[in-house]
Amino acid sequence: MPLRDLLNRLPAPVRWLGPPAALLGCTAGLVAFWSGDPDVAPPVPSAEAAEYCAALDRALPAEVLGHPRQDPSPASPYTAAWASSPRTVLTCGGDRPDFLNDTARTGPCVNQVGWGMGEDGHGGYRFATGLRKAYVEVHVPAGAYGNYADPLGYVADAIRSTVPVINGAADSDCLDDGG
């Protein structure tokens, strides 16, 4: 028996509501799939770095360029994220990023915090602090902001006030120009 005949045997309200219900279900499934950000594995910092990172977590802004903070799961004081679609993710207390070894790829100085910079391979950038007692890394994916370095100004003050520089070190490139 053809599908058409089977559908004609159904009561009219079922035939009329079936396609919109199926479309609504597909739409809900797609929205859930597209909006589900991947989890971010929190770093495992040393005991000293963990203290700085917890203080940083409390000092971070609730908003970056109008995008609210929406932390990734699992919840951790070592990760933070802002819903910039694609989202901007900050991690604290991880291992030294390899791109900090490339002295030709220094990043900007923002509010007296110096940053190393590396590309993420997808058109976005990763920034990391060096010379501080805990590494703070900010991933800014392609298309998140008009200028890839814009979020750094929103988190730099919190970093400067909670994660001290290594003894004897200074973000010297930042101190001379007033950062």
C-alpha atoms as a PDB file:
ATOM      1  CA  MET A   1       0.000   0.000   0.000  1.00  0.00           C
ATOM      2  CA  PRO A   2       1.481   3.387  -0.983  1.00  0.00           C
ATOM      3  CA  LEU A   3       2.386   5.920   1.697  1.00  0.00           C
ATOM      4  CA  ARG A   4      -0.208   8.322   0.320  1.00  0.00           C
ATOM      5  CA  ASP A   5      -3.024   5.883   1.045  1.00  0.00           C
ATOM      6  CA  LEU A   6      -1.750   5.329   4.581  1.00  0.00           C
ATOM      7  CA  LEU A   7      -1.664   9.072   5.235  1.00  0.00           C
ATOM      8  CA  ASN A   8      -5.173   9.519   3.859  1.00  0.00           C
ATOM      9  CA  ARG A   9      -6.476   7.003   6.413  1.00  0.00           C
ATOM     10  CA  LEU A  10      -5.282   9.198   9.286  1.00  0.00           C
ATOM     11  CA  PRO A  11      -7.752  11.710  10.738  1.00  0.00           C
ATOM     12  CA  ALA A  12      -7.426  15.201   9.250  1.00  0.00           C
ATOM     13  CA  PRO A  13      -6.050  16.901  12.426  1.00  0.00           C
ATOM     14  CA  VAL A  14      -3.249  14.331  12.590  1.00  0.00           C
ATOM     15  CA  ARG A  15      -2.377  14.893   8.922  1.00  0.00           C
ATOM     16  CA  TRP A  16      -2.368  18.679   9.400  1.00  0.00           C
ATOM     17  CA  LEU A  17      -0.311  18.715  12.607  1.00  0.00           C
ATOM     18  CA  GLY A  18       2.147  15.993  11.652  1.00  0.00           C
ATOM     19  CA  PRO A  19       4.448  18.000   9.327  1.00  0.00           C
ATOM     20  CA  PRO A  20       4.690  21.083  11.619  1.00  0.00           C
ATOM     21  CA  ALA A  21       5.430  18.834  14.617  1.00  0.00           C
ATOM     22  CA  ALA A  22       8.150  17.001  12.679  1.00  0.00           C
ATOM     23  CA  LEU A  23       9.654  20.316  11.542  1.00  0.00           C
ATOM     24  CA  LEU A  24       9.606  21.664  15.089  1.00  0.00           C
ATOM     25  CA  GLY A  25      11.332  18.527  16.369  1.00  0.00           C
ATOM     26  CA  CYS A  26      14.055  18.765  13.713  1.00  0.00           C
ATOM     27  CA  THR A  27      14.570  22.459  14.428  1.00  0.00           C
ATOM     28  CA  ALA A  28      14.889  21.823  18.175  1.00  0.00           C
ATOM     29  CA  GLY A  29      17.406  19.073  17.513  1.00  0.00           C
ATOM     30  CA  LEU A  30      19.508  21.285  15.247  1.00  0.00           C
ATOM     31  CA  VAL A  31      19.464  24.185  17.708  1.00  0.00           C
ATOM     32  CA  ALA A  32      20.571  21.889  20.523  1.00  0.00           C
ATOM     33  CA  PHE A  33      23.349  20.491  18.321  1.00  0.00           C
ATOM     34  CA  TRP A  34      24.624  23.891  17.135  1.00  0.00           C
ATOM     35  CA  SER A  35      24.484  25.633  20.505  1.00  0.00           C
ATOM     36  CA  GLY A  36      26.157  22.851  22.445  1.00  0.00           C
ATOM     37  CA  ASP A  37      29.704  24.073  22.987  1.00  0.00           C
ATOM     38  CA  PRO A  38      32.315  21.413  23.491  1.00  0.00           C
ATOM     39  CA  ASP A  39      33.532  20.929  27.021  1.00  0.00           C
ATOM     40  CA  VAL A  40      36.809  22.496  28.060  1.00  0.00           C
ATOM     41  CA  ALA A  41      39.111  20.329  30.118  1.00  0.00           C
ATOM     42  CA  PRO A  42      40.359  22.440  33.011  1.00  0.00           C
ATOM     43  CA  PRO A  43      44.110  22.487  33.544  1.00  0.00           C
ATOM     44  CA  VAL A  44      45.640  20.938  36.655  1.00  0.00           C
ATOM     45  CA  PRO A  45      47.736  23.726  38.195  1.00  0.00           C
ATOM     46  CA  SER A  46      50.334  23.486  40.936  1.00  0.00           C
ATOM     47  CA  ALA A  47      49.136  24.357  44.449  1.00  0.00           C
ATOM     48  CA  GLU A  48      50.627  27.864  44.197  1.00  0.00           C
ATOM     49  CA  ALA A  49      49.174  28.530  40.753  1.00  0.00           C
ATOM     50  CA  ALA A  50      45.789  27.180  41.881  1.00  0.00           C
ATOM     51  CA  GLU A  51      45.547  29.932  44.491  1.00  0.00           C
ATOM     52  CA  TYR A  52      46.285  32.622  41.904  1.00  0.00           C
ATOM     53  CA  CYS A  53      43.858  31.099  39.425  1.00  0.00           C
ATOM     54  CA  ALA A  54      41.043  30.925  41.985  1.00  0.00           C
ATOM     55  CA  ALA A  55      41.600  34.615  42.792  1.00  0.00           C
ATOM     56  CA  LEU A  56      41.636  35.406  39.073  1.00  0.00           C
ATOM     57  CA  ASP A  57      38.380  33.501  38.568  1.00  0.00           C
ATOM     58  CA  ARG A  58      36.678  35.689  41.192  1.00  0.00           C
ATOM     59  CA  ALA A  59      38.083  38.888  39.634  1.00  0.00           C
ATOM     60  CA  LEU A  60      37.182  38.165  35.993  1.00  0.00           C
ATOM     61  CA  PRO A  61      34.466  40.314  34.406  1.00  0.00           C
ATOM     62  CA  ALA A  62      30.882  39.124  34.049  1.00  0.00           C
ATOM     63  CA  GLU A  63      30.878  40.474  30.499  1.00  0.00           C
ATOM     64  CA  VAL A  64      33.384  40.892  27.663  1.00  0.00           C
ATOM     65  CA  LEU A  65      32.395  43.288  24.894  1.00  0.00           C
ATOM     66  CA  GLY A  66      28.721  42.785  25.693  1.00  0.00           C
ATOM     67  CA  HIS A  67      28.963  38.982  25.819  1.00  0.00           C
ATOM     68  CA  PRO A  68      27.982  37.405  29.155  1.00  0.00           C
ATOM     69  CA  ARG A  69      30.221  35.004  30.993  1.00  0.00           C
ATOM     70  CA  GLN A  70      29.077  31.423  30.459  1.00  0.00           C
ATOM     71  CA  ASP A  71      31.640  29.075  31.923  1.00  0.00           C
ATOM     72  CA  PRO A  72      32.257  25.727  30.261  1.00  0.00           C
ATOM     73  CA  SER A  73      31.571  22.407  31.897  1.00  0.00           C
ATOM     74  CA  PRO A  74      32.854  20.927  34.037  1.00  0.00           C
ATOM     75  CA  ALA A  75      32.760  23.977  36.317  1.00  0.00           C
ATOM     76  CA  SER A  76      36.243  24.919  37.462  1.00  0.00           C
ATOM     77  CA  PRO A  77      38.019  27.986  38.851  1.00  0.00           C
ATOM     78  CA  TYR A  78      40.659  27.332  36.170  1.00  0.00           C
ATOM     79  CA  THR A  79      38.409  27.978  33.160  1.00  0.00           C
ATOM     80  CA  ALA A  80      36.115  30.805  32.116  1.00  0.00           C
ATOM     81  CA  ALA A  81      34.262  31.574  28.907  1.00  0.00           C
ATOM     82  CA  TRP A  82      32.236  34.355  27.366  1.00  0.00           C
ATOM     83  CA  ALA A  83      29.477  33.653  24.877  1.00  0.00           C
ATOM     84  CA  SER A  84      30.922  35.492  21.922  1.00  0.00           C
ATOM     85  CA  SER A  85      29.663  32.868  19.458  1.00  0.00           C
ATOM     86  CA  PRO A  86      32.122  31.377  18.903  1.00  0.00           C
ATOM     87  CA  ARG A  87      33.039  31.672  22.545  1.00  0.00           C
ATOM     88  CA  THR A  88      36.198  33.090  24.033  1.00  0.00           C
ATOM     89  CA  VAL A  89      37.819  30.754  26.567  1.00  0.00           C
ATOM     90  CA  LEU A  90      40.321  31.576  29.321  1.00  0.00           C
ATOM     91  CA  THR A  91      42.318  28.910  31.139  1.00  0.00           C
ATOM     92  CA  CYS A  92      44.639  29.441  34.078  1.00  0.00           C
ATOM     93  CA  GLY A  93      47.346  27.246  35.555  1.00  0.00           C
ATOM     94  CA  GLY A  94      48.110  25.066  32.571  1.00  0.00           C
ATOM     95  CA  ASP A  95      51.488  24.162  31.131  1.00  0.00           C
ATOM     96  CA  ARG A  96      53.590  26.744  29.328  1.00  0.00           C
ATOM     97  CA  PRO A  97      52.221  27.037  25.772  1.00  0.00           C
ATOM     98  CA  ASP A  98      54.791  26.151  23.093  1.00  0.00           C
ATOM     99  CA  PHE A  99      54.155  29.345  21.153  1.00  0.00           C
ATOM    100  CA  LEU A 100      55.709  31.362  24.013  1.00  0.00           C
ATOM    101  CA  ASN A 101      59.070  29.918  22.923  1.00  0.00           C
ATOM    102  CA  ASP A 102      58.826  31.730  19.574  1.00  0.00           C
ATOM    103  CA  THR A 103      60.273  35.149  20.387  1.00  0.00           C
ATOM    104  CA  ALA A 104      59.309  36.430  16.941  1.00  0.00           C
ATOM    105  CA  ARG A 105      55.618  35.967  17.808  1.00  0.00           C
ATOM    106  CA  THR A 106      55.191  38.330  20.721  1.00  0.00           C
ATOM    107  CA  GLY A 107      51.685  39.582  21.231  1.00  0.00           C
ATOM    108  CA  PRO A 108      50.322  42.884  22.411  1.00  0.00           C
ATOM    109  CA  CYS A 109      50.839  44.645  25.697  1.00  0.00           C
ATOM    110  CA  VAL A 110      47.481  45.423  27.280  1.00  0.00           C
ATOM    111  CA  ASN A 111      47.083  47.313  30.575  1.00  0.00           C
ATOM    112  CA  GLN A 112      50.632  46.387  31.631  1.00  0.00           C
ATOM    113  CA  VAL A 113      50.165  42.689  30.895  1.00  0.00           C
ATOM    114  CA  GLY A 114      52.420  41.252  28.204  1.00  0.00           C
ATOM    115  CA  TRP A 115      51.076  38.503  25.977  1.00  0.00           C
ATOM    116  CA  GLY A 116      52.609  35.882  23.761  1.00  0.00           C
ATOM    117  CA  MET A 117      50.557  35.060  20.709  1.00  0.00           C
ATOM    118  CA  GLY A 118      50.035  32.063  18.451  1.00  0.00           C
ATOM    119  CA  GLU A 119      47.562  31.073  15.761  1.00  0.00           C
ATOM    120  CA  ASP A 120      45.098  28.296  16.568  1.00  0.00           C
ATOM    121  CA  GLY A 121      45.099  26.765  13.065  1.00  0.00           C
ATOM    122  CA  HIS A 122      41.462  27.759  12.439  1.00  0.00           C
ATOM    123  CA  GLY A 123      41.884  31.510  11.839  1.00  0.00           C
ATOM    124  CA  GLY A 124      41.757  32.437  15.532  1.00  0.00           C
ATOM    125  CA  TYR A 125      44.460  33.216  18.072  1.00  0.00           C
ATOM    126  CA  ARG A 126      45.721  32.007  21.419  1.00  0.00           C
ATOM    127  CA  PHE A 127      47.289  34.481  23.804  1.00  0.00           C
ATOM    128  CA  ALA A 128      49.242  33.589  26.941  1.00  0.00           C
ATOM    129  CA  THR A 129      50.938  35.477  29.702  1.00  0.00           C
ATOM    130  CA  GLY A 130      54.557  34.629  30.369  1.00  0.00           C
ATOM    131  CA  LEU A 131      56.657  35.878  33.307  1.00  0.00           C
ATOM    132  CA  ARG A 132      53.780  35.377  35.771  1.00  0.00           C
ATOM    133  CA  LYS A 133      53.395  32.803  38.525  1.00  0.00           C
ATOM    134  CA  ALA A 134      50.604  31.069  36.607  1.00  0.00           C
ATOM    135  CA  TYR A 135      50.129  30.842  32.858  1.00  0.00           C
ATOM    136  CA  VAL A 136      46.884  32.420  31.711  1.00  0.00           C
ATOM    137  CA  GLU A 137      45.787  31.538  28.200  1.00  0.00           C
ATOM    138  CA  VAL A 138      42.978  33.177  26.237  1.00  0.00           C
ATOM    139  CA  HIS A 139      41.638  31.556  23.075  1.00  0.00           C
ATOM    140  CA  VAL A 140      39.901  33.975  20.718  1.00  0.00           C
ATOM    141  CA  PRO A 141      38.387  32.030  17.811  1.00  0.00           C
ATOM    142  CA  ALA A 142      38.027  33.465  14.320  1.00  0.00           C
ATOM    143  CA  GLY A 143      35.032  35.753  13.989  1.00  0.00           C
ATOM    144  CA  ALA A 144      34.440  36.228  17.713  1.00  0.00           C
ATOM    145  CA  TYR A 145      35.317  39.946  17.622  1.00  0.00           C
ATOM    146  CA  GLY A 146      36.238  42.584  15.071  1.00  0.00           C
ATOM    147  CA  ASN A 147      39.766  42.720  16.525  1.00  0.00           C
ATOM    148  CA  TYR A 148      41.122  39.454  17.876  1.00  0.00           C
ATOM    149  CA  ALA A 149      42.922  41.211  20.759  1.00  0.00           C
ATOM    150  CA  ASP A 150      39.866  43.120  22.040  1.00  0.00           C
ATOM    151  CA  PRO A 151      39.018  40.673  24.876  1.00  0.00           C
ATOM    152  CA  LEU A 152      42.489  41.047  26.403  1.00  0.00           C
ATOM    153  CA  GLY A 153      41.674  44.519  27.716  1.00  0.00           C
ATOM    154  CA  TYR A 154      38.748  43.110  29.646  1.00  0.00           C
ATOM    155  CA  VAL A 155      40.780  40.439  31.455  1.00  0.00           C
ATOM    156  CA  ALA A 156      44.177  42.154  31.803  1.00  0.00           C
ATOM    157  CA  ASP A 157      43.316  44.161  34.927  1.00  0.00           C
ATOM    158  CA  ALA A 158      42.082  41.029  36.698  1.00  0.00           C
ATOM    159  CA  ILE A 159      45.266  39.184  35.729  1.00  0.00           C
ATOM    160  CA  ARG A 160      47.513  42.037  36.805  1.00  0.00           C
ATOM    161  CA  SER A 161      45.829  42.254  40.217  1.00  0.00           C
ATOM    162  CA  THR A 162      45.711  38.516  41.013  1.00  0.00           C
ATOM    163  CA  VAL A 163      48.584  36.720  39.237  1.00  0.00           C
ATOM    164  CA  PRO A 164      51.911  38.309  40.210  1.00  0.00           C
ATOM    165  CA  VAL A 165      54.950  38.493  37.988  1.00  0.00           C
ATOM    166  CA  ILE A 166      57.797  36.082  38.674  1.00  0.00           C
ATOM    167  CA  ASN A 167      60.321  37.541  41.155  1.00  0.00           C
ATOM    168  CA  GLY A 168      62.783  39.755  39.345  1.00  0.00           C
ATOM    169  CA  ALA A 169      60.767  39.713  36.139  1.00  0.00           C
ATOM    170  CA  ALA A 170      58.581  42.420  34.742  1.00  0.00           C
ATOM    171  CA  ASP A 171      56.427  42.848  31.703  1.00  0.00           C
ATOM    172  CA  SER A 172      59.062  45.402  30.693  1.00  0.00           C
ATOM    173  CA  ASP A 173      57.652  45.990  27.241  1.00  0.00           C
ATOM    174  CA  CYS A 174      54.433  47.082  28.907  1.00  0.00           C
ATOM    175  CA  LEU A 175      55.843  49.268  31.655  1.00  0.00           C
ATOM    176  CA  ASP A 176      57.627  51.687  29.331  1.00  0.00           C
ATOM    177  CA  ASP A 177      54.604  52.693  27.271  1.00  0.00           C
ATOM    178  CA  GLY A 178      52.081  52.838  30.106  1.00  0.00           C
ATOM    179  CA  GLY A 179      50.360  49.729  28.693  1.00  0.00           C
END
